[in-house]
Amino acid sequence: MVVASHWHDDHIEGLNEIFDAAKSAVFVNSDAHPLRDLAQLAGLGAKLRQSSATKAYADILDILDSRRGPKTRKQSVGPMGAIADRRLLLLPAAQRTIVAEVYSLSPSDGVVAIARSELSSAMTAVQNNRRPVRQGPNQLCVALWVKVGKLDLLLGADLEQRQAPNEGWNAIVHSTGRPQELACFFKVPHHGSQNAHSDECWSKMLNTKAVAVITPFSKSSLPTPQDVTRIIGLTNSAYLTCDPATFSLAKYPNPVGKQIKQQVIARNPLTGATGQVCFRADALNGTSHSVTLWDGARSL
């Protein structure tokens, strides 16, 4: 299963390549943005292929079409719509293997009108030869709950918090249709920013020893030092996949490096190394776990 959490560039870029490589995967997209509407956006934006989101969805549509044969059920390749409290995947136990399930926790029914408005604005922008701009706050993306044996994991995507009870994290926390266990792993939403924080999520959906992982976003300088302080006050096991403050310029061998210095006024890094936080745990017992860090990832 390949899940598009939402259509912002920093989450969709490269997903077409992943889906192309996953030959037997089902494609899942937010039900707030039906793929037929995104298909229209991709078609309108054919001349703006520099937009990662537009190109990725156009390519994914091509892949879906290529995998649908006369004997292929649409559900076997997708797109499948993700919405609150929907089980997307069930891998039943066979012999001595374990059960695995994936649930979508969002988007909630309360944000459908917001989704329509966002997509309409994007289509208008593309029709006027402009790149679609980000809309906010982000309530339309797909947060996931993954169950593997006795392990429960919460993947927060970019879902933000709202005051309304039927929006954002409030809708998830108070839902009776979602899995009610406590997660041992948390992908912190929206790069650790304050606008995605929910005290009730931490207290009602995570166990006290949950491993929390933050993925930074250098363009917005997230997470901020204040964000880091807040998160490490909630768990003793917080990690950052890479540190934007340590991004360095790529080094080139001579004569390439010399030529760059002669022709370029200034160079600034856009991104740094893509670090990895590897979480391993015993799915049969749901107890012991280990965390391994690679390529600049660090403990907070």
C-alpha atoms as a PDB file:
ATOM      1  CA  MET A   1       0.000   0.000   0.000  1.00  0.00           C
ATOM      2  CA  VAL A   2       1.274   3.459  -0.981  1.00  0.00           C
ATOM      3  CA  VAL A   3      -0.470   6.330   0.814  1.00  0.00           C
ATOM      4  CA  ALA A   4      -0.395   9.956  -0.320  1.00  0.00           C
ATOM      5  CA  SER A   5      -0.899  11.868   2.916  1.00  0.00           C
ATOM      6  CA  HIS A   6      -1.692  15.105   1.032  1.00  0.00           C
ATOM      7  CA  TRP A   7      -0.678  17.001  -2.080  1.00  0.00           C
ATOM      8  CA  HIS A   8       1.919  19.423  -0.691  1.00  0.00           C
ATOM      9  CA  ASP A   9       5.244  19.158  -2.502  1.00  0.00           C
ATOM     10  CA  ASP A  10       7.289  18.099   0.518  1.00  0.00           C
ATOM     11  CA  HIS A  11       5.032  15.045   0.967  1.00  0.00           C
ATOM     12  CA  ILE A  12       4.185  14.053  -2.606  1.00  0.00           C
ATOM     13  CA  GLU A  13       7.514  14.579  -4.384  1.00  0.00           C
ATOM     14  CA  GLY A  14       8.941  11.236  -5.457  1.00  0.00           C
ATOM     15  CA  LEU A  15       5.814   9.262  -4.521  1.00  0.00           C
ATOM     16  CA  ASN A  16       5.225   8.460  -8.189  1.00  0.00           C
ATOM     17  CA  GLU A  17       8.613   6.725  -8.311  1.00  0.00           C
ATOM     18  CA  ILE A  18       7.825   4.746  -5.160  1.00  0.00           C
ATOM     19  CA  PHE A  19       4.433   3.663  -6.511  1.00  0.00           C
ATOM     20  CA  ASP A  20       5.995   2.708  -9.831  1.00  0.00           C
ATOM     21  CA  ALA A  21       8.496   0.476  -8.010  1.00  0.00           C
ATOM     22  CA  ALA A  22       5.784  -1.075  -5.779  1.00  0.00           C
ATOM     23  CA  LYS A  23       4.281  -3.221  -8.498  1.00  0.00           C
ATOM     24  CA  SER A  24       1.584  -4.888  -6.375  1.00  0.00           C
ATOM     25  CA  ALA A  25       0.666  -1.924  -4.162  1.00  0.00           C
ATOM     26  CA  VAL A  26      -2.730  -0.291  -3.768  1.00  0.00           C
ATOM     27  CA  PHE A  27      -2.692   3.507  -4.045  1.00  0.00           C
ATOM     28  CA  VAL A  28      -4.478   5.422  -1.266  1.00  0.00           C
ATOM     29  CA  ASN A  29      -5.413   9.087  -1.423  1.00  0.00           C
ATOM     30  CA  SER A  30      -7.296  11.443   0.897  1.00  0.00           C
ATOM     31  CA  ASP A  31     -11.042  11.153   0.344  1.00  0.00           C
ATOM     32  CA  ALA A  32     -11.221  14.929   0.811  1.00  0.00           C
ATOM     33  CA  HIS A  33      -9.397  15.262  -2.519  1.00  0.00           C
ATOM     34  CA  PRO A  34     -10.921  12.644  -4.866  1.00  0.00           C
ATOM     35  CA  LEU A  35      -8.405  11.535  -7.439  1.00  0.00           C
ATOM     36  CA  ARG A  36     -10.716  12.508 -10.308  1.00  0.00           C
ATOM     37  CA  ASP A  37     -10.456  16.135  -9.136  1.00  0.00           C
ATOM     38  CA  LEU A  38      -6.711  15.860  -8.728  1.00  0.00           C
ATOM     39  CA  ALA A  39      -6.624  14.327 -12.200  1.00  0.00           C
ATOM     40  CA  GLN A  40      -8.286  17.445 -13.528  1.00  0.00           C
ATOM     41  CA  LEU A  41      -5.735  19.572 -11.678  1.00  0.00           C
ATOM     42  CA  ALA A  42      -2.913  17.483 -13.117  1.00  0.00           C
ATOM     43  CA  GLY A  43      -4.363  17.871 -16.614  1.00  0.00           C
ATOM     44  CA  LEU A  44      -4.727  21.627 -16.237  1.00  0.00           C
ATOM     45  CA  GLY A  45      -1.217  21.850 -14.888  1.00  0.00           C
ATOM     46  CA  ALA A  46       0.483  19.877 -17.640  1.00  0.00           C
ATOM     47  CA  LYS A  47       2.351  23.015 -18.674  1.00  0.00           C
ATOM     48  CA  LEU A  48       3.475  23.520 -15.066  1.00  0.00           C
ATOM     49  CA  ARG A  49       5.190  20.186 -14.665  1.00  0.00           C
ATOM     50  CA  GLN A  50       7.820  21.822 -12.486  1.00  0.00           C
ATOM     51  CA  SER A  51       5.264  21.555  -9.667  1.00  0.00           C
ATOM     52  CA  SER A  52       6.201  18.340  -7.854  1.00  0.00           C
ATOM     53  CA  ALA A  53       2.627  17.688  -6.720  1.00  0.00           C
ATOM     54  CA  THR A  54       1.188  18.154 -10.194  1.00  0.00           C
ATOM     55  CA  LYS A  55       3.795  15.945 -11.862  1.00  0.00           C
ATOM     56  CA  ALA A  56       3.572  13.223  -9.217  1.00  0.00           C
ATOM     57  CA  TYR A  57      -0.200  12.896  -9.499  1.00  0.00           C
ATOM     58  CA  ALA A  58      -0.099  12.938 -13.299  1.00  0.00           C
ATOM     59  CA  ASP A  59       2.436  10.108 -13.234  1.00  0.00           C
ATOM     60  CA  ILE A  60       0.473   8.134 -10.613  1.00  0.00           C
ATOM     61  CA  LEU A  61      -2.653   8.349 -12.774  1.00  0.00           C
ATOM     62  CA  ASP A  62      -0.675   6.980 -15.709  1.00  0.00           C
ATOM     63  CA  ILE A  63       0.599   4.103 -13.559  1.00  0.00           C
ATOM     64  CA  LEU A  64      -2.914   3.290 -12.326  1.00  0.00           C
ATOM     65  CA  ASP A  65      -4.221   3.228 -15.888  1.00  0.00           C
ATOM     66  CA  SER A  66      -1.416   0.931 -16.996  1.00  0.00           C
ATOM     67  CA  ARG A  67      -2.160  -1.567 -14.210  1.00  0.00           C
ATOM     68  CA  ARG A  68      -5.883  -1.863 -14.903  1.00  0.00           C
ATOM     69  CA  GLY A  69      -6.475  -4.761 -17.234  1.00  0.00           C
ATOM     70  CA  PRO A  70      -9.779  -6.332 -18.319  1.00  0.00           C
ATOM     71  CA  LYS A  71      -9.628  -8.766 -15.402  1.00  0.00           C
ATOM     72  CA  THR A  72      -8.272  -6.316 -12.810  1.00  0.00           C
ATOM     73  CA  ARG A  73     -10.603  -5.006 -10.100  1.00  0.00           C
ATOM     74  CA  LYS A  74     -10.262  -1.260  -9.539  1.00  0.00           C
ATOM     75  CA  GLN A  75      -9.975  -1.844  -5.783  1.00  0.00           C
ATOM     76  CA  SER A  76      -6.893  -3.992  -6.276  1.00  0.00           C
ATOM     77  CA  VAL A  77      -4.826  -1.057  -7.549  1.00  0.00           C
ATOM     78  CA  GLY A  78      -6.752   1.995  -6.296  1.00  0.00           C
ATOM     79  CA  PRO A  79      -7.258   4.739  -5.791  1.00  0.00           C
ATOM     80  CA  MET A  80      -8.732   3.941  -2.399  1.00  0.00           C
ATOM     81  CA  GLY A  81     -10.167   6.867  -0.454  1.00  0.00           C
ATOM     82  CA  ALA A  82      -8.881   7.500   3.059  1.00  0.00           C
ATOM     83  CA  ILE A  83     -11.249   9.094   5.565  1.00  0.00           C
ATOM     84  CA  ALA A  84     -11.634   9.070   9.346  1.00  0.00           C
ATOM     85  CA  ASP A  85     -12.093   5.662  11.011  1.00  0.00           C
ATOM     86  CA  ARG A  86     -11.645   3.560   7.863  1.00  0.00           C
ATOM     87  CA  ARG A  87      -9.656   0.343   7.838  1.00  0.00           C
ATOM     88  CA  LEU A  88      -7.540   0.497   4.697  1.00  0.00           C
ATOM     89  CA  LEU A  89      -5.634  -2.750   5.009  1.00  0.00           C
ATOM     90  CA  LEU A  90      -5.935  -6.102   6.769  1.00  0.00           C
ATOM     91  CA  LEU A  91      -3.285  -8.788   6.496  1.00  0.00           C
ATOM     92  CA  PRO A  92      -4.762 -11.721   8.433  1.00  0.00           C
ATOM     93  CA  ALA A  93      -2.650 -14.144  10.406  1.00  0.00           C
ATOM     94  CA  ALA A  94      -1.618 -17.266   8.537  1.00  0.00           C
ATOM     95  CA  GLN A  95      -0.023 -20.142  10.432  1.00  0.00           C
ATOM     96  CA  ARG A  96       2.289 -18.403  12.965  1.00  0.00           C
ATOM     97  CA  THR A  97       2.498 -14.952  11.363  1.00  0.00           C
ATOM     98  CA  ILE A  98       0.922 -11.876  12.924  1.00  0.00           C
ATOM     99  CA  VAL A  99      -2.039  -9.730  11.961  1.00  0.00           C
ATOM    100  CA  ALA A 100      -1.315  -6.322  10.428  1.00  0.00           C
ATOM    101  CA  GLU A 101      -3.859  -3.519   9.971  1.00  0.00           C
ATOM    102  CA  VAL A 102      -3.781   0.074   8.738  1.00  0.00           C
ATOM    103  CA  TYR A 103      -6.485   2.627   9.608  1.00  0.00           C
ATOM    104  CA  SER A 104      -6.921   6.145   8.288  1.00  0.00           C
ATOM    105  CA  LEU A 105      -7.785   8.576  11.107  1.00  0.00           C
ATOM    106  CA  SER A 106      -8.434  11.609   8.923  1.00  0.00           C
ATOM    107  CA  PRO A 107      -9.710  13.642   7.143  1.00  0.00           C
ATOM    108  CA  SER A 108     -12.877  14.083   9.199  1.00  0.00           C
ATOM    109  CA  ASP A 109     -16.308  14.693   7.708  1.00  0.00           C
ATOM    110  CA  GLY A 110     -16.179  18.221   9.095  1.00  0.00           C
ATOM    111  CA  VAL A 111     -13.520  19.429   6.649  1.00  0.00           C
ATOM    112  CA  VAL A 112     -14.985  18.336   3.318  1.00  0.00           C
ATOM    113  CA  ALA A 113     -16.125  21.885   2.471  1.00  0.00           C
ATOM    114  CA  ILE A 114     -12.613  23.157   3.215  1.00  0.00           C
ATOM    115  CA  ALA A 115     -11.190  20.557   0.833  1.00  0.00           C
ATOM    116  CA  ARG A 116     -13.470  21.651  -1.986  1.00  0.00           C
ATOM    117  CA  SER A 117     -12.472  25.281  -1.493  1.00  0.00           C
ATOM    118  CA  GLU A 118      -8.744  24.423  -1.471  1.00  0.00           C
ATOM    119  CA  LEU A 119      -8.923  22.374  -4.638  1.00  0.00           C
ATOM    120  CA  SER A 120     -11.003  25.025  -6.388  1.00  0.00           C
ATOM    121  CA  SER A 121      -8.391  27.668  -5.543  1.00  0.00           C
ATOM    122  CA  ALA A 122      -5.612  25.434  -6.868  1.00  0.00           C
ATOM    123  CA  MET A 123      -7.432  24.862 -10.147  1.00  0.00           C
ATOM    124  CA  THR A 124      -8.011  28.598 -10.555  1.00  0.00           C
ATOM    125  CA  ALA A 125      -4.317  29.266  -9.970  1.00  0.00           C
ATOM    126  CA  VAL A 126      -3.228  26.722 -12.574  1.00  0.00           C
ATOM    127  CA  GLN A 127      -5.733  28.019 -15.113  1.00  0.00           C
ATOM    128  CA  ASN A 128      -4.116  31.428 -14.667  1.00  0.00           C
ATOM    129  CA  ASN A 129      -0.658  29.944 -15.260  1.00  0.00           C
ATOM    130  CA  ARG A 130       0.318  30.157 -11.585  1.00  0.00           C
ATOM    131  CA  ARG A 131       1.645  27.441  -9.364  1.00  0.00           C
ATOM    132  CA  PRO A 132      -0.878  26.249  -6.724  1.00  0.00           C
ATOM    133  CA  VAL A 133      -0.143  27.754  -3.329  1.00  0.00           C
ATOM    134  CA  ARG A 134      -0.331  26.030   0.009  1.00  0.00           C
ATOM    135  CA  GLN A 135      -3.593  26.344   1.867  1.00  0.00           C
ATOM    136  CA  GLY A 136      -3.952  26.140   5.601  1.00  0.00           C
ATOM    137  CA  PRO A 137      -4.431  25.131   8.255  1.00  0.00           C
ATOM    138  CA  ASN A 138      -3.824  21.564   7.078  1.00  0.00           C
ATOM    139  CA  GLN A 139      -6.729  19.373   8.151  1.00  0.00           C
ATOM    140  CA  LEU A 140      -7.147  17.455   4.927  1.00  0.00           C
ATOM    141  CA  CYS A 141      -4.198  15.070   5.056  1.00  0.00           C
ATOM    142  CA  VAL A 142      -4.241  11.408   6.012  1.00  0.00           C
ATOM    143  CA  ALA A 143      -3.065  10.508   9.494  1.00  0.00           C
ATOM    144  CA  LEU A 144      -2.582   6.755   9.897  1.00  0.00           C
ATOM    145  CA  TRP A 145      -2.807   4.174  12.673  1.00  0.00           C
ATOM    146  CA  VAL A 146      -0.732   1.058  12.004  1.00  0.00           C
ATOM    147  CA  LYS A 147      -1.197  -2.162  13.998  1.00  0.00           C
ATOM    148  CA  VAL A 148       1.341  -4.960  13.675  1.00  0.00           C
ATOM    149  CA  GLY A 149       0.763  -7.718  16.180  1.00  0.00           C
ATOM    150  CA  LYS A 150       0.863  -6.013  19.563  1.00  0.00           C
ATOM    151  CA  LEU A 151       2.513  -2.869  18.226  1.00  0.00           C
ATOM    152  CA  ASP A 152       0.510   0.296  17.583  1.00  0.00           C
ATOM    153  CA  LEU A 153       2.009   3.218  15.665  1.00  0.00           C
ATOM    154  CA  LEU A 154       0.594   6.695  15.003  1.00  0.00           C
ATOM    155  CA  LEU A 155       1.735   8.575  11.868  1.00  0.00           C
ATOM    156  CA  GLY A 156       0.606  12.197  12.152  1.00  0.00           C
ATOM    157  CA  ALA A 157       1.408  13.464   8.616  1.00  0.00           C
ATOM    158  CA  ASP A 158       0.889  17.274   8.644  1.00  0.00           C
ATOM    159  CA  LEU A 159      -2.451  17.304  10.440  1.00  0.00           C
ATOM    160  CA  GLU A 160      -2.939  20.523  12.407  1.00  0.00           C
ATOM    161  CA  GLN A 161      -4.998  21.262  15.489  1.00  0.00           C
ATOM    162  CA  ARG A 162      -8.225  23.263  15.461  1.00  0.00           C
ATOM    163  CA  GLN A 163     -10.623  24.534  18.109  1.00  0.00           C
ATOM    164  CA  ALA A 164     -13.722  22.966  16.530  1.00  0.00           C
ATOM    165  CA  PRO A 165     -14.537  19.519  17.993  1.00  0.00           C
ATOM    166  CA  ASN A 166     -15.032  17.948  14.539  1.00  0.00           C
ATOM    167  CA  GLU A 167     -11.788  19.188  12.996  1.00  0.00           C
ATOM    168  CA  GLY A 168      -8.066  18.445  13.274  1.00  0.00           C
ATOM    169  CA  TRP A 169      -6.757  16.349  16.144  1.00  0.00           C
ATOM    170  CA  ASN A 170      -9.897  16.997  18.204  1.00  0.00           C
ATOM    171  CA  ALA A 171     -11.927  14.902  15.762  1.00  0.00           C
ATOM    172  CA  ILE A 172      -9.449  12.019  16.028  1.00  0.00           C
ATOM    173  CA  VAL A 173      -8.947  12.050  19.798  1.00  0.00           C
ATOM    174  CA  HIS A 174     -12.680  11.975  20.526  1.00  0.00           C
ATOM    175  CA  SER A 175     -13.612   9.460  17.839  1.00  0.00           C
ATOM    176  CA  THR A 176     -15.075   6.171  19.078  1.00  0.00           C
ATOM    177  CA  GLY A 177     -14.477   4.503  15.720  1.00  0.00           C
ATOM    178  CA  ARG A 178     -10.674   4.601  15.764  1.00  0.00           C
ATOM    179  CA  PRO A 179      -8.403   1.990  17.411  1.00  0.00           C
ATOM    180  CA  GLN A 180      -8.421   2.662  21.147  1.00  0.00           C
ATOM    181  CA  GLU A 181      -4.999   1.223  22.078  1.00  0.00           C
ATOM    182  CA  LEU A 182      -2.019   3.402  23.030  1.00  0.00           C
ATOM    183  CA  ALA A 183       0.688   3.847  20.401  1.00  0.00           C
ATOM    184  CA  CYS A 184       4.350   3.117  21.142  1.00  0.00           C
ATOM    185  CA  PHE A 185       5.603   5.155  18.154  1.00  0.00           C
ATOM    186  CA  PHE A 186       4.599   8.644  16.989  1.00  0.00           C
ATOM    187  CA  LYS A 187       5.579  10.432  13.796  1.00  0.00           C
ATOM    188  CA  VAL A 188       5.077  13.963  15.140  1.00  0.00           C
ATOM    189  CA  PRO A 189       2.780  15.959  12.830  1.00  0.00           C
ATOM    190  CA  HIS A 190       3.760  18.985  10.760  1.00  0.00           C
ATOM    191  CA  HIS A 191       7.486  18.954  11.524  1.00  0.00           C
ATOM    192  CA  GLY A 192       6.866  19.403  15.250  1.00  0.00           C
ATOM    193  CA  SER A 193       5.208  22.816  14.925  1.00  0.00           C
ATOM    194  CA  GLN A 194       3.004  24.273  17.658  1.00  0.00           C
ATOM    195  CA  ASN A 195      -0.009  24.510  15.338  1.00  0.00           C
ATOM    196  CA  ALA A 196      -0.170  20.707  15.104  1.00  0.00           C
ATOM    197  CA  HIS A 197       0.168  20.038  18.836  1.00  0.00           C
ATOM    198  CA  SER A 198      -2.619  18.396  20.829  1.00  0.00           C
ATOM    199  CA  ASP A 199      -2.214  17.732  24.545  1.00  0.00           C
ATOM    200  CA  GLU A 200      -5.015  15.171  24.391  1.00  0.00           C
ATOM    201  CA  CYS A 201      -3.313  13.295  21.573  1.00  0.00           C
ATOM    202  CA  TRP A 202      -0.244  12.822  23.761  1.00  0.00           C
ATOM    203  CA  SER A 203      -2.224  11.879  26.866  1.00  0.00           C
ATOM    204  CA  LYS A 204      -4.958   9.706  25.312  1.00  0.00           C
ATOM    205  CA  MET A 205      -3.366   8.100  22.243  1.00  0.00           C
ATOM    206  CA  LEU A 206       0.292   7.481  23.210  1.00  0.00           C
ATOM    207  CA  ASN A 207       1.826   5.403  25.955  1.00  0.00           C
ATOM    208  CA  THR A 208       4.178   7.094  28.405  1.00  0.00           C
ATOM    209  CA  LYS A 209       7.287   5.591  26.766  1.00  0.00           C
ATOM    210  CA  ALA A 210       6.348   6.307  23.153  1.00  0.00           C
ATOM    211  CA  VAL A 211       9.156   6.987  20.681  1.00  0.00           C
ATOM    212  CA  ALA A 212       8.528  10.302  18.913  1.00  0.00           C
ATOM    213  CA  VAL A 213      10.222  11.214  15.615  1.00  0.00           C
ATOM    214  CA  ILE A 214      10.277  14.686  14.055  1.00  0.00           C
ATOM    215  CA  THR A 215      11.001  15.327  10.383  1.00  0.00           C
ATOM    216  CA  PRO A 216      12.318  18.900   9.942  1.00  0.00           C
ATOM    217  CA  PHE A 217      11.396  21.355   7.198  1.00  0.00           C
ATOM    218  CA  SER A 218      14.232  23.759   6.548  1.00  0.00           C
ATOM    219  CA  LYS A 219      12.229  26.335   4.550  1.00  0.00           C
ATOM    220  CA  SER A 220      10.072  27.062   7.603  1.00  0.00           C
ATOM    221  CA  SER A 221      12.846  26.496  10.166  1.00  0.00           C
ATOM    222  CA  LEU A 222      10.810  23.728  11.788  1.00  0.00           C
ATOM    223  CA  PRO A 223      11.033  22.498  14.420  1.00  0.00           C
ATOM    224  CA  THR A 224      11.878  25.643  16.361  1.00  0.00           C
ATOM    225  CA  PRO A 225      13.864  25.470  19.623  1.00  0.00           C
ATOM    226  CA  GLN A 226      10.560  26.042  21.433  1.00  0.00           C
ATOM    227  CA  ASP A 227       9.019  23.092  19.599  1.00  0.00           C
ATOM    228  CA  VAL A 228      11.905  20.857  20.623  1.00  0.00           C
ATOM    229  CA  THR A 229      11.622  21.941  24.267  1.00  0.00           C
ATOM    230  CA  ARG A 230       7.899  21.180  24.263  1.00  0.00           C
ATOM    231  CA  ILE A 231       8.311  17.728  22.746  1.00  0.00           C
ATOM    232  CA  ILE A 232      11.161  16.553  24.965  1.00  0.00           C
ATOM    233  CA  GLY A 233       9.015  17.595  27.919  1.00  0.00           C
ATOM    234  CA  LEU A 234       6.466  14.990  26.817  1.00  0.00           C
ATOM    235  CA  THR A 235       8.723  12.002  26.095  1.00  0.00           C
ATOM    236  CA  ASN A 236      12.195  10.740  26.975  1.00  0.00           C
ATOM    237  CA  SER A 237      12.545   9.191  23.510  1.00  0.00           C
ATOM    238  CA  ALA A 238      12.404  12.013  20.953  1.00  0.00           C
ATOM    239  CA  TYR A 239      14.449  11.992  17.739  1.00  0.00           C
ATOM    240  CA  LEU A 240      15.108  14.275  14.791  1.00  0.00           C
ATOM    241  CA  THR A 241      15.804  12.777  11.343  1.00  0.00           C
ATOM    242  CA  CYS A 242      18.251  15.579  10.560  1.00  0.00           C
ATOM    243  CA  ASP A 243      19.213  18.980  11.934  1.00  0.00           C
ATOM    244  CA  PRO A 244      18.520  21.914   9.557  1.00  0.00           C
ATOM    245  CA  ALA A 245      21.042  24.036  11.469  1.00  0.00           C
ATOM    246  CA  THR A 246      23.861  21.757  10.326  1.00  0.00           C
ATOM    247  CA  PHE A 247      23.036  21.684   6.617  1.00  0.00           C
ATOM    248  CA  SER A 248      26.281  22.202   4.711  1.00  0.00           C
ATOM    249  CA  LEU A 249      27.181  22.971   1.127  1.00  0.00           C
ATOM    250  CA  ALA A 250      28.070  20.096  -1.158  1.00  0.00           C
ATOM    251  CA  LYS A 251      31.802  19.789  -1.858  1.00  0.00           C
ATOM    252  CA  TYR A 252      33.064  19.302  -5.403  1.00  0.00           C
ATOM    253  CA  PRO A 253      36.500  18.159  -6.600  1.00  0.00           C
ATOM    254  CA  ASN A 254      38.678  20.516  -8.637  1.00  0.00           C
ATOM    255  CA  PRO A 255      38.350  21.804 -11.303  1.00  0.00           C
ATOM    256  CA  VAL A 256      34.555  21.747 -10.756  1.00  0.00           C
ATOM    257  CA  GLY A 257      34.796  23.475  -7.395  1.00  0.00           C
ATOM    258  CA  LYS A 258      37.097  26.155  -8.770  1.00  0.00           C
ATOM    259  CA  GLN A 259      34.777  26.862 -11.689  1.00  0.00           C
ATOM    260  CA  ILE A 260      31.781  27.202  -9.371  1.00  0.00           C
ATOM    261  CA  LYS A 261      33.635  29.732  -7.211  1.00  0.00           C
ATOM    262  CA  GLN A 262      34.504  31.789 -10.271  1.00  0.00           C
ATOM    263  CA  GLN A 263      30.991  31.913 -11.710  1.00  0.00           C
ATOM    264  CA  VAL A 264      28.669  31.898  -8.699  1.00  0.00           C
ATOM    265  CA  ILE A 265      28.191  34.909  -6.412  1.00  0.00           C
ATOM    266  CA  ALA A 266      26.850  32.957  -3.442  1.00  0.00           C
ATOM    267  CA  ARG A 267      25.736  29.446  -2.573  1.00  0.00           C
ATOM    268  CA  ASN A 268      23.247  28.429   0.105  1.00  0.00           C
ATOM    269  CA  PRO A 269      22.117  24.903   1.009  1.00  0.00           C
ATOM    270  CA  LEU A 270      18.452  24.137   0.331  1.00  0.00           C
ATOM    271  CA  THR A 271      18.487  20.792   2.114  1.00  0.00           C
ATOM    272  CA  GLY A 272      20.873  18.673   4.096  1.00  0.00           C
ATOM    273  CA  ALA A 273      21.484  14.960   4.375  1.00  0.00           C
ATOM    274  CA  THR A 274      18.315  12.898   4.659  1.00  0.00           C
ATOM    275  CA  GLY A 275      18.822  11.148   7.968  1.00  0.00           C
ATOM    276  CA  GLN A 276      16.976   8.072   9.153  1.00  0.00           C
ATOM    277  CA  VAL A 277      15.546   6.967  12.469  1.00  0.00           C
ATOM    278  CA  CYS A 278      15.088   3.194  12.448  1.00  0.00           C
ATOM    279  CA  PHE A 279      12.617   1.837  15.022  1.00  0.00           C
ATOM    280  CA  ARG A 280      12.576  -1.912  15.693  1.00  0.00           C
ATOM    281  CA  ALA A 281      10.312  -3.700  18.146  1.00  0.00           C
ATOM    282  CA  ASP A 282       9.008  -7.134  19.087  1.00  0.00           C
ATOM    283  CA  ALA A 283       5.606  -7.324  17.402  1.00  0.00           C
ATOM    284  CA  LEU A 284       4.703 -10.597  19.103  1.00  0.00           C
ATOM    285  CA  ASN A 285       5.137  -9.287  22.640  1.00  0.00           C
ATOM    286  CA  GLY A 286       4.934  -5.542  22.064  1.00  0.00           C
ATOM    287  CA  THR A 287       7.586  -4.850  24.683  1.00  0.00           C
ATOM    288  CA  SER A 288      11.261  -4.293  23.873  1.00  0.00           C
ATOM    289  CA  HIS A 289      12.343  -1.898  21.143  1.00  0.00           C
ATOM    290  CA  SER A 290      15.523  -0.354  19.751  1.00  0.00           C
ATOM    291  CA  VAL A 291      16.304   2.839  17.829  1.00  0.00           C
ATOM    292  CA  THR A 292      19.176   3.173  15.338  1.00  0.00           C
ATOM    293  CA  LEU A 293      20.258   6.531  13.870  1.00  0.00           C
ATOM    294  CA  TRP A 294      21.867   7.080  10.462  1.00  0.00           C
ATOM    295  CA  ASP A 295      23.145   9.986   8.343  1.00  0.00           C
ATOM    296  CA  GLY A 296      22.802  12.864  10.764  1.00  0.00           C
ATOM    297  CA  ALA A 297      19.704  11.795  12.659  1.00  0.00           C
ATOM    298  CA  ARG A 298      20.027  12.502  16.372  1.00  0.00           C
ATOM    299  CA  SER A 299      18.407  12.073  19.732  1.00  0.00           C
ATOM    300  CA  LEU A 300      16.817  15.133  21.334  1.00  0.00           C
END
